[in-house]
Amino acid sequence: MKILQRRRGRPRGSTVVPPDLRAEVWIAVQLHRICARIGTGKTLSVRRACDELAARGGIISAVGGNVEALAEENARRGKRWLRFETDSTGSTLAPNTTGTIFVSHAITDPGTLQARYSEADKMVRSDRRVRFAWMNICRQRLGRPIKRNAGPRI
């Protein structure tokens, strides 16, 4: 009798995540690291940045559009989107069953956040154009001018 080796855990590709999740995770972690460097002069480690981001609520992927249409679609779906509302200060999201913000995906665990950052960082290290584009997004979010042309590397 032959014993078959099985891969443990969830099958690859079985979860549906937003297509731009890697970019958003990488950009959020990089922005946190850059802001810490601007404030203190020291760059945070990726692990520390992920820990701090998770402590502030993590990364949440919101679904946008017409609230009524989203509510109807949410009622028909097998797996429902979570609903949130901004708190009184407007700085964080709080779960609310009648909220106007629909969330399709949330990463609140620092270990998961670091793993997703590592996946995205592999893409950044393998393709200069990806790094160029994502760093320009970071520059825009910081209110700084973007770089124009990556140019060929010789």
C-alpha atoms as a PDB file:
ATOM      1  CA  MET A   1       0.000   0.000   0.000  1.00  0.00           C
ATOM      2  CA  LYS A   2       1.373   3.397  -1.023  1.00  0.00           C
ATOM      3  CA  ILE A   3       1.011   6.352   1.321  1.00  0.00           C
ATOM      4  CA  LEU A   4       0.260   9.600  -0.467  1.00  0.00           C
ATOM      5  CA  GLN A   5       1.845  12.811   0.748  1.00  0.00           C
ATOM      6  CA  ARG A   6      -0.742  15.556   1.089  1.00  0.00           C
ATOM      7  CA  ARG A   7      -0.100  19.222   1.258  1.00  0.00           C
ATOM      8  CA  ARG A   8      -1.481  20.638   4.485  1.00  0.00           C
ATOM      9  CA  GLY A   9      -3.732  23.646   4.704  1.00  0.00           C
ATOM     10  CA  ARG A  10      -5.889  25.438   2.214  1.00  0.00           C
ATOM     11  CA  PRO A  11      -5.363  24.641  -1.494  1.00  0.00           C
ATOM     12  CA  ARG A  12      -3.524  27.304  -3.496  1.00  0.00           C
ATOM     13  CA  GLY A  13      -5.765  29.858  -5.114  1.00  0.00           C
ATOM     14  CA  SER A  14      -8.784  28.874  -3.028  1.00  0.00           C
ATOM     15  CA  THR A  15      -9.137  32.247  -1.336  1.00  0.00           C
ATOM     16  CA  VAL A  16     -10.282  35.311  -3.200  1.00  0.00           C
ATOM     17  CA  VAL A  17      -8.452  38.483  -2.266  1.00  0.00           C
ATOM     18  CA  PRO A  18      -8.498  41.863  -3.983  1.00  0.00           C
ATOM     19  CA  PRO A  19      -6.074  41.937  -6.939  1.00  0.00           C
ATOM     20  CA  ASP A  20      -4.283  45.020  -5.643  1.00  0.00           C
ATOM     21  CA  LEU A  21      -3.844  43.675  -2.109  1.00  0.00           C
ATOM     22  CA  ARG A  22      -0.104  43.106  -2.462  1.00  0.00           C
ATOM     23  CA  ALA A  23       0.424  46.660  -3.654  1.00  0.00           C
ATOM     24  CA  GLU A  24      -1.662  48.113  -0.840  1.00  0.00           C
ATOM     25  CA  VAL A  25       0.141  46.081   1.826  1.00  0.00           C
ATOM     26  CA  TRP A  26       3.597  46.980   0.492  1.00  0.00           C
ATOM     27  CA  ILE A  27       2.702  50.663   0.174  1.00  0.00           C
ATOM     28  CA  ALA A  28       1.127  50.837   3.645  1.00  0.00           C
ATOM     29  CA  VAL A  29       4.151  49.219   5.314  1.00  0.00           C
ATOM     30  CA  GLN A  30       6.605  51.382   3.349  1.00  0.00           C
ATOM     31  CA  LEU A  31       4.669  54.556   4.210  1.00  0.00           C
ATOM     32  CA  HIS A  32       4.712  53.631   7.876  1.00  0.00           C
ATOM     33  CA  ARG A  33       8.468  53.004   7.724  1.00  0.00           C
ATOM     34  CA  ILE A  34       9.114  56.269   5.836  1.00  0.00           C
ATOM     35  CA  CYS A  35       6.998  58.321   8.259  1.00  0.00           C
ATOM     36  CA  ALA A  36       8.830  56.780  11.215  1.00  0.00           C
ATOM     37  CA  ARG A  37      12.171  57.614   9.573  1.00  0.00           C
ATOM     38  CA  ILE A  38      11.067  61.204   8.969  1.00  0.00           C
ATOM     39  CA  GLY A  39      10.007  61.553  12.614  1.00  0.00           C
ATOM     40  CA  THR A  40      12.856  59.760  14.396  1.00  0.00           C
ATOM     41  CA  GLY A  41      15.660  59.396  11.867  1.00  0.00           C
ATOM     42  CA  LYS A  42      15.573  55.606  12.197  1.00  0.00           C
ATOM     43  CA  THR A  43      13.916  53.207   9.797  1.00  0.00           C
ATOM     44  CA  LEU A  44      11.637  50.655  11.446  1.00  0.00           C
ATOM     45  CA  SER A  45      12.096  46.995  10.683  1.00  0.00           C
ATOM     46  CA  VAL A  46       9.385  45.397   8.598  1.00  0.00           C
ATOM     47  CA  ARG A  47       8.275  43.317  11.572  1.00  0.00           C
ATOM     48  CA  ARG A  48       7.949  46.334  13.840  1.00  0.00           C
ATOM     49  CA  ALA A  49       6.096  48.304  11.173  1.00  0.00           C
ATOM     50  CA  CYS A  50       3.656  45.394  10.703  1.00  0.00           C
ATOM     51  CA  ASP A  51       3.160  45.131  14.466  1.00  0.00           C
ATOM     52  CA  GLU A  52       2.376  48.837  14.724  1.00  0.00           C
ATOM     53  CA  LEU A  53       0.030  48.781  11.716  1.00  0.00           C
ATOM     54  CA  ALA A  54      -1.831  45.780  13.148  1.00  0.00           C
ATOM     55  CA  ALA A  55      -2.139  47.536  16.516  1.00  0.00           C
ATOM     56  CA  ARG A  56      -3.824  50.464  14.734  1.00  0.00           C
ATOM     57  CA  GLY A  57      -6.393  48.194  13.061  1.00  0.00           C
ATOM     58  CA  GLY A  58      -4.424  46.642  10.204  1.00  0.00           C
ATOM     59  CA  ILE A  59      -5.259  47.017   6.535  1.00  0.00           C
ATOM     60  CA  ILE A  60      -8.870  47.016   5.399  1.00  0.00           C
ATOM     61  CA  SER A  61     -10.016  46.669   1.756  1.00  0.00           C
ATOM     62  CA  ALA A  62     -13.238  48.598   1.317  1.00  0.00           C
ATOM     63  CA  VAL A  63     -15.783  48.010  -1.446  1.00  0.00           C
ATOM     64  CA  GLY A  64     -17.065  51.251  -2.936  1.00  0.00           C
ATOM     65  CA  GLY A  65     -20.126  52.280  -4.852  1.00  0.00           C
ATOM     66  CA  ASN A  66     -23.827  52.815  -4.345  1.00  0.00           C
ATOM     67  CA  VAL A  67     -24.637  51.849  -0.739  1.00  0.00           C
ATOM     68  CA  GLU A  68     -28.144  50.579  -1.577  1.00  0.00           C
ATOM     69  CA  ALA A  69     -26.876  48.405  -4.440  1.00  0.00           C
ATOM     70  CA  LEU A  70     -24.078  47.051  -2.243  1.00  0.00           C
ATOM     71  CA  ALA A  71     -26.574  46.242   0.527  1.00  0.00           C
ATOM     72  CA  GLU A  72     -28.761  44.305  -1.953  1.00  0.00           C
ATOM     73  CA  GLU A  73     -25.758  42.401  -3.326  1.00  0.00           C
ATOM     74  CA  ASN A  74     -24.543  41.690   0.203  1.00  0.00           C
ATOM     75  CA  ALA A  75     -27.937  40.168   1.083  1.00  0.00           C
ATOM     76  CA  ARG A  76     -27.695  37.784  -1.907  1.00  0.00           C
ATOM     77  CA  ARG A  77     -24.087  36.717  -1.346  1.00  0.00           C
ATOM     78  CA  GLY A  78     -23.225  33.458   0.396  1.00  0.00           C
ATOM     79  CA  LYS A  79     -20.303  35.049   2.235  1.00  0.00           C
ATOM     80  CA  ARG A  80     -21.200  38.551   3.293  1.00  0.00           C
ATOM     81  CA  TRP A  81     -19.024  41.617   3.347  1.00  0.00           C
ATOM     82  CA  LEU A  82     -18.565  43.133   6.793  1.00  0.00           C
ATOM     83  CA  ARG A  83     -20.052  46.571   7.383  1.00  0.00           C
ATOM     84  CA  PHE A  84     -18.287  49.401   9.174  1.00  0.00           C
ATOM     85  CA  GLU A  85     -18.895  53.016  10.091  1.00  0.00           C
ATOM     86  CA  THR A  86     -16.361  55.716  10.945  1.00  0.00           C
ATOM     87  CA  ASP A  87     -16.159  56.521  14.635  1.00  0.00           C
ATOM     88  CA  SER A  88     -16.973  59.929  16.122  1.00  0.00           C
ATOM     89  CA  THR A  89     -13.423  61.213  15.586  1.00  0.00           C
ATOM     90  CA  GLY A  90     -13.390  60.012  11.965  1.00  0.00           C
ATOM     91  CA  SER A  91     -10.019  58.340  12.377  1.00  0.00           C
ATOM     92  CA  THR A  92     -10.930  54.649  12.697  1.00  0.00           C
ATOM     93  CA  LEU A  93     -13.579  52.213  11.522  1.00  0.00           C
ATOM     94  CA  ALA A  94     -15.953  50.503  13.927  1.00  0.00           C
ATOM     95  CA  PRO A  95     -18.110  47.463  13.058  1.00  0.00           C
ATOM     96  CA  ASN A  96     -21.747  48.437  12.531  1.00  0.00           C
ATOM     97  CA  THR A  97     -24.501  46.279  11.000  1.00  0.00           C
ATOM     98  CA  THR A  98     -26.017  49.319   9.279  1.00  0.00           C
ATOM     99  CA  GLY A  99     -22.704  50.937   8.328  1.00  0.00           C
ATOM    100  CA  THR A 100     -22.113  52.551   4.950  1.00  0.00           C
ATOM    101  CA  ILE A 101     -18.623  51.092   4.453  1.00  0.00           C
ATOM    102  CA  PHE A 102     -18.440  47.540   3.115  1.00  0.00           C
ATOM    103  CA  VAL A 103     -15.222  45.599   3.718  1.00  0.00           C
ATOM    104  CA  SER A 104     -14.251  42.685   1.508  1.00  0.00           C
ATOM    105  CA  HIS A 105     -10.944  41.814   3.141  1.00  0.00           C
ATOM    106  CA  ALA A 106      -9.139  42.794   6.336  1.00  0.00           C
ATOM    107  CA  ILE A 107      -5.660  41.956   7.606  1.00  0.00           C
ATOM    108  CA  THR A 108      -5.423  42.587  11.324  1.00  0.00           C
ATOM    109  CA  ASP A 109      -2.847  39.979  12.357  1.00  0.00           C
ATOM    110  CA  PRO A 110       0.777  41.233  12.313  1.00  0.00           C
ATOM    111  CA  GLY A 111       2.134  37.850  11.172  1.00  0.00           C
ATOM    112  CA  THR A 112      -0.256  37.720   8.219  1.00  0.00           C
ATOM    113  CA  LEU A 113       0.549  41.318   7.374  1.00  0.00           C
ATOM    114  CA  GLN A 114       4.276  40.549   7.357  1.00  0.00           C
ATOM    115  CA  ALA A 115       3.728  37.455   5.186  1.00  0.00           C
ATOM    116  CA  ARG A 116       1.739  39.482   2.633  1.00  0.00           C
ATOM    117  CA  TYR A 117       4.436  42.164   2.682  1.00  0.00           C
ATOM    118  CA  SER A 118       7.083  39.516   1.980  1.00  0.00           C
ATOM    119  CA  GLU A 119       5.087  38.257  -1.025  1.00  0.00           C
ATOM    120  CA  ALA A 120       4.799  41.799  -2.368  1.00  0.00           C
ATOM    121  CA  ASP A 121       8.464  42.543  -1.669  1.00  0.00           C
ATOM    122  CA  LYS A 122       9.486  39.600  -3.856  1.00  0.00           C
ATOM    123  CA  MET A 123       7.618  41.259  -6.725  1.00  0.00           C
ATOM    124  CA  VAL A 124       9.305  44.588  -5.979  1.00  0.00           C
ATOM    125  CA  ARG A 125      12.779  43.043  -5.910  1.00  0.00           C
ATOM    126  CA  SER A 126      12.210  41.105  -9.123  1.00  0.00           C
ATOM    127  CA  ASP A 127      10.896  43.984 -11.267  1.00  0.00           C
ATOM    128  CA  ARG A 128      12.269  47.542 -11.187  1.00  0.00           C
ATOM    129  CA  ARG A 129       9.130  48.919 -12.837  1.00  0.00           C
ATOM    130  CA  VAL A 130       6.918  47.619 -10.021  1.00  0.00           C
ATOM    131  CA  ARG A 131       9.155  49.264  -7.417  1.00  0.00           C
ATOM    132  CA  PHE A 132       9.191  52.495  -9.421  1.00  0.00           C
ATOM    133  CA  ALA A 133       5.386  52.583  -9.689  1.00  0.00           C
ATOM    134  CA  TRP A 134       4.726  51.652  -6.056  1.00  0.00           C
ATOM    135  CA  MET A 135       7.313  54.138  -4.749  1.00  0.00           C
ATOM    136  CA  ASN A 136       5.645  56.852  -6.848  1.00  0.00           C
ATOM    137  CA  ILE A 137       2.362  55.999  -5.130  1.00  0.00           C
ATOM    138  CA  CYS A 138       4.150  56.371  -1.773  1.00  0.00           C
ATOM    139  CA  ARG A 139       5.520  59.749  -2.870  1.00  0.00           C
ATOM    140  CA  GLN A 140       2.036  60.901  -3.932  1.00  0.00           C
ATOM    141  CA  ARG A 141       0.512  59.870  -0.602  1.00  0.00           C
ATOM    142  CA  LEU A 142       3.228  61.820   1.202  1.00  0.00           C
ATOM    143  CA  GLY A 143       2.516  64.871  -0.962  1.00  0.00           C
ATOM    144  CA  ARG A 144       5.919  64.776  -2.646  1.00  0.00           C
ATOM    145  CA  PRO A 145       6.680  64.997  -6.363  1.00  0.00           C
ATOM    146  CA  ILE A 146       6.855  61.759  -8.307  1.00  0.00           C
ATOM    147  CA  LYS A 147       9.866  60.639 -10.266  1.00  0.00           C
ATOM    148  CA  ARG A 148       9.323  60.776 -14.002  1.00  0.00           C
ATOM    149  CA  ASN A 149      11.283  58.083 -15.785  1.00  0.00           C
ATOM    150  CA  ALA A 150      12.942  54.939 -14.500  1.00  0.00           C
ATOM    151  CA  GLY A 151      15.173  54.792 -17.584  1.00  0.00           C
ATOM    152  CA  PRO A 152      17.025  51.740 -18.808  1.00  0.00           C
ATOM    153  CA  ARG A 153      19.588  50.083 -16.589  1.00  0.00           C
ATOM    154  CA  ILE A 154      22.879  49.386 -18.328  1.00  0.00           C
END
